[in-house]
Protein backbone atom coordinates (compact mmCIF):
# COMPACT_ATOMS: atom_id res chain seq x y z
CA MET A 1 45.88 -46.34 -57.34
CA THR A 2 49.22 -47.10 -55.74
CA VAL A 3 51.15 -45.19 -53.12
CA SER A 4 54.61 -43.80 -53.89
CA LYS A 5 57.61 -45.34 -52.15
CA GLN A 6 58.17 -42.03 -50.35
CA VAL A 7 54.63 -41.92 -48.92
CA ALA A 8 54.77 -45.63 -48.04
CA ALA A 9 58.01 -44.96 -46.10
CA GLN A 10 56.37 -42.01 -44.31
CA ILE A 11 53.41 -44.21 -43.37
CA ASP A 12 55.75 -46.90 -42.00
CA GLU A 13 57.72 -44.33 -40.00
CA ALA A 14 54.47 -42.92 -38.57
CA PHE A 15 53.27 -46.44 -37.70
CA ASP A 16 56.50 -47.11 -35.78
CA PHE A 17 56.27 -43.74 -34.00
CA ARG A 18 54.40 -43.73 -30.66
CA GLY A 19 53.03 -40.23 -30.82
CA HIS A 20 50.97 -37.91 -32.96
CA VAL A 21 51.55 -37.43 -36.65
CA THR A 22 49.92 -35.12 -39.19
CA VAL A 23 48.55 -36.66 -42.36
CA THR A 24 48.00 -34.43 -45.38
CA PHE A 25 45.50 -35.84 -47.85
CA THR A 26 45.42 -35.37 -51.60
CA ASP A 27 42.38 -33.06 -51.24
CA GLY A 28 44.47 -30.69 -49.06
CA LYS A 29 42.83 -31.57 -45.73
CA THR A 30 44.98 -32.54 -42.75
CA LEU A 31 44.43 -34.71 -39.70
CA GLU A 32 46.55 -34.87 -36.56
CA GLY A 33 46.44 -38.00 -34.46
CA TYR A 34 47.87 -41.44 -33.78
CA LEU A 35 48.39 -43.72 -36.78
CA PHE A 36 47.85 -47.15 -35.21
CA ASN A 37 47.48 -49.42 -38.25
CA ARG A 38 48.31 -49.62 -41.93
CA GLU A 39 47.99 -52.22 -44.66
CA HIS A 40 50.18 -51.91 -47.75
CA SER A 41 49.29 -55.28 -49.28
CA PRO A 42 45.52 -55.70 -49.11
CA PHE A 43 43.86 -58.98 -49.79
CA PRO A 44 42.61 -59.52 -53.35
CA LYS A 45 40.06 -56.86 -54.30
CA GLY A 46 40.92 -54.97 -51.12
CA GLU A 47 42.41 -51.55 -50.69
CA ALA A 48 45.59 -50.40 -48.96
CA TYR A 49 44.67 -48.22 -45.97
CA ILE A 50 45.77 -46.40 -42.83
CA GLU A 51 43.86 -46.22 -39.55
CA MET A 52 44.08 -43.30 -37.14
CA ILE A 53 42.72 -42.03 -33.85
CA PRO A 54 42.33 -38.24 -34.22
CA LYS A 55 43.89 -36.04 -31.55
CA ASP A 56 41.50 -35.42 -28.63
CA SER A 57 39.20 -38.21 -29.79
CA GLU A 58 38.63 -41.93 -29.25
CA GLN A 59 37.14 -42.42 -32.70
CA ARG A 60 38.96 -44.81 -35.05
CA LEU A 61 39.02 -43.78 -38.69
CA ARG A 62 40.17 -45.63 -41.83
CA PHE A 63 41.42 -43.91 -44.98
CA PRO A 64 42.60 -45.32 -48.30
CA SER A 65 46.39 -45.05 -48.56
CA ALA A 66 45.94 -43.62 -52.04
CA SER A 67 44.32 -40.54 -50.45
CA VAL A 68 47.50 -39.77 -48.45
CA LYS A 69 49.78 -37.09 -49.87
CA SER A 70 52.27 -36.99 -46.97
CA VAL A 71 52.76 -37.91 -43.32
CA ALA A 72 54.83 -35.85 -40.86
CA ILE A 73 55.94 -36.68 -37.33
CA THR A 74 54.55 -33.72 -35.36
CA GLY A 75 54.08 -34.86 -31.77
CA LYS A 76 55.98 -36.14 -28.78
CA ASP A 77 57.06 -39.79 -28.74
CA PHE A 78 55.28 -41.03 -25.61
CA ALA A 79 57.40 -44.18 -25.40
CA VAL A 80 60.64 -42.28 -24.77
CA PRO A 81 61.61 -42.91 -21.15
CA PHE A 82 61.11 -40.03 -18.76
CA VAL A 83 64.35 -38.63 -17.43
CA PRO A 84 63.91 -36.28 -14.47
CA PRO A 85 65.84 -33.02 -14.64
CA ALA A 86 69.19 -32.94 -12.87
CA LYS A 87 69.17 -31.26 -9.46
């Protein structure tokens, strides 16, 4: 099963984001965490996938991209430079 262009773009945006995202799966379940890896073009006989670290966890999980319904940017971008408030 292939991933739509829209979902593939959401996955790429989440991969480039340096904060938490929320993935909604085709079965209706959701997962919030850091999407740290994705593969759109698997090797022959492979499967496209995403890899995430769930929020408040150190566990690394892999899911088939075909199981992803949508991806939303939901957390703070931790790579944005800190700017102290003006005095």
